[in-house]
Protein backbone atom coordinates (compact mmCIF):
# COMPACT_ATOMS: atom_id res chain seq x y z
CA MET A 1 111.35 59.38 100.36
CA LYS A 2 112.36 62.67 101.91
CA THR A 3 109.05 64.36 101.06
CA CYS A 4 107.10 61.51 102.60
CA ALA A 5 109.04 61.82 105.86
CA SER A 6 108.54 65.58 105.94
CA ARG A 7 104.80 65.19 105.36
CA ILE A 8 104.55 62.69 108.19
CA LEU A 9 106.47 65.08 110.46
CA ILE A 10 104.14 67.96 109.55
CA VAL A 11 101.06 65.83 110.25
CA LEU A 12 102.48 64.73 113.60
CA LEU A 13 103.26 68.32 114.58
CA LEU A 14 99.75 69.41 113.64
CA LEU A 15 98.23 66.60 115.66
CA ALA A 16 100.42 67.47 118.64
CA GLY A 17 99.33 71.09 118.39
CA MET A 18 95.66 70.16 118.26
CA ASN A 19 96.09 67.82 121.23
CA SER A 20 97.31 70.58 123.57
CA PRO A 21 94.25 72.70 124.42
CA MET A 22 96.18 74.97 126.82
CA GLN A 23 97.93 76.53 123.84
CA ALA A 24 94.63 77.38 122.17
CA LEU A 25 93.11 79.44 125.00
CA ALA A 26 92.09 82.97 124.16
CA CYS A 27 93.91 85.95 125.62
CA ALA A 28 92.44 88.33 128.17
CA VAL A 29 91.19 90.69 125.48
CA CYS A 30 89.17 87.93 123.80
CA TYR A 31 87.76 86.76 127.14
CA GLY A 32 86.48 90.24 127.86
CA GLU A 33 88.67 91.03 130.87
CA SER A 34 89.62 94.51 129.79
CA ASP A 35 91.25 95.34 133.14
CA ALA A 36 93.59 92.33 133.09
CA PRO A 37 97.34 93.00 132.90
CA MET A 38 97.58 91.24 129.54
CA ALA A 39 94.92 93.53 128.07
CA LYS A 40 96.69 96.60 129.44
CA GLY A 41 99.96 95.36 127.97
CA ALA A 42 98.33 94.80 124.58
CA ALA A 43 96.88 98.32 124.64
CA PHE A 44 100.30 99.77 125.52
CA ALA A 45 101.92 97.76 122.73
CA ILE A 46 99.43 99.11 120.21
CA LEU A 47 100.11 102.66 121.42
CA ALA A 48 103.88 102.14 121.23
CA LEU A 49 103.69 100.74 117.71
CA GLY A 50 101.48 103.65 116.66
CA ILE A 51 104.06 106.11 117.98
CA VAL A 52 106.86 104.31 116.11
CA VAL A 53 104.89 104.30 112.84
CA ALA A 54 103.99 107.99 113.22
CA GLY A 55 107.64 108.83 113.91
CA VAL A 56 108.87 106.99 110.84
CA LEU A 57 106.23 108.55 108.60
CA GLY A 58 107.02 111.98 110.06
CA GLY A 59 110.69 111.44 109.27
CA ILE A 60 109.87 110.52 105.68
CA VAL A 61 107.70 113.61 105.27
CA ALA A 62 110.40 115.81 106.81
CA PHE A 63 112.99 114.35 104.42
CA PHE A 64 110.89 115.16 101.35
CA VAL A 65 110.14 118.68 102.63
CA HIS A 66 113.89 119.17 103.11
CA ILE A 67 114.60 117.94 99.58
CA LYS A 68 111.91 120.23 98.16
CA ARG A 69 113.32 123.29 99.95
CA LYS A 70 116.87 122.51 98.82
CA ALA A 71 115.70 122.08 95.22
CA ALA A 72 113.78 125.38 95.36
CA ALA A 73 116.82 127.19 96.76
CA GLN A 74 119.07 125.73 94.09
CA ALA A 75 116.58 126.64 91.35
CA ALA A 76 116.43 130.20 92.63
CA THR A 77 120.24 130.42 92.58
CA ILE A 78 120.40 129.12 89.00
CA ALA A 79 117.58 131.41 87.82
CA SER A 80 119.37 134.58 88.94
CA PRO A 81 123.07 134.25 87.99
CA ASP A 82 123.73 138.01 88.34
CA SER A 83 123.45 137.81 92.14
CA VAL A 84 126.51 135.54 92.35
């Protein structure tokens, strides 16, 4: 009985969503208004996300370079015990 009620609720929500055409309008980018504020905001959001992704990837690369240098320094210390 519970699955039947949930299916009816899902169907009603889908019908309500299809009945409201204002929600289905395309954004300014899809309409072709590239100078609209929404299009400028979308472009800025893409740039900001690109900067965040580049920063995170740069941090990961820097971490592995740091680990590699520390391992090389430790290997050099172990290889020459007479310098201790």
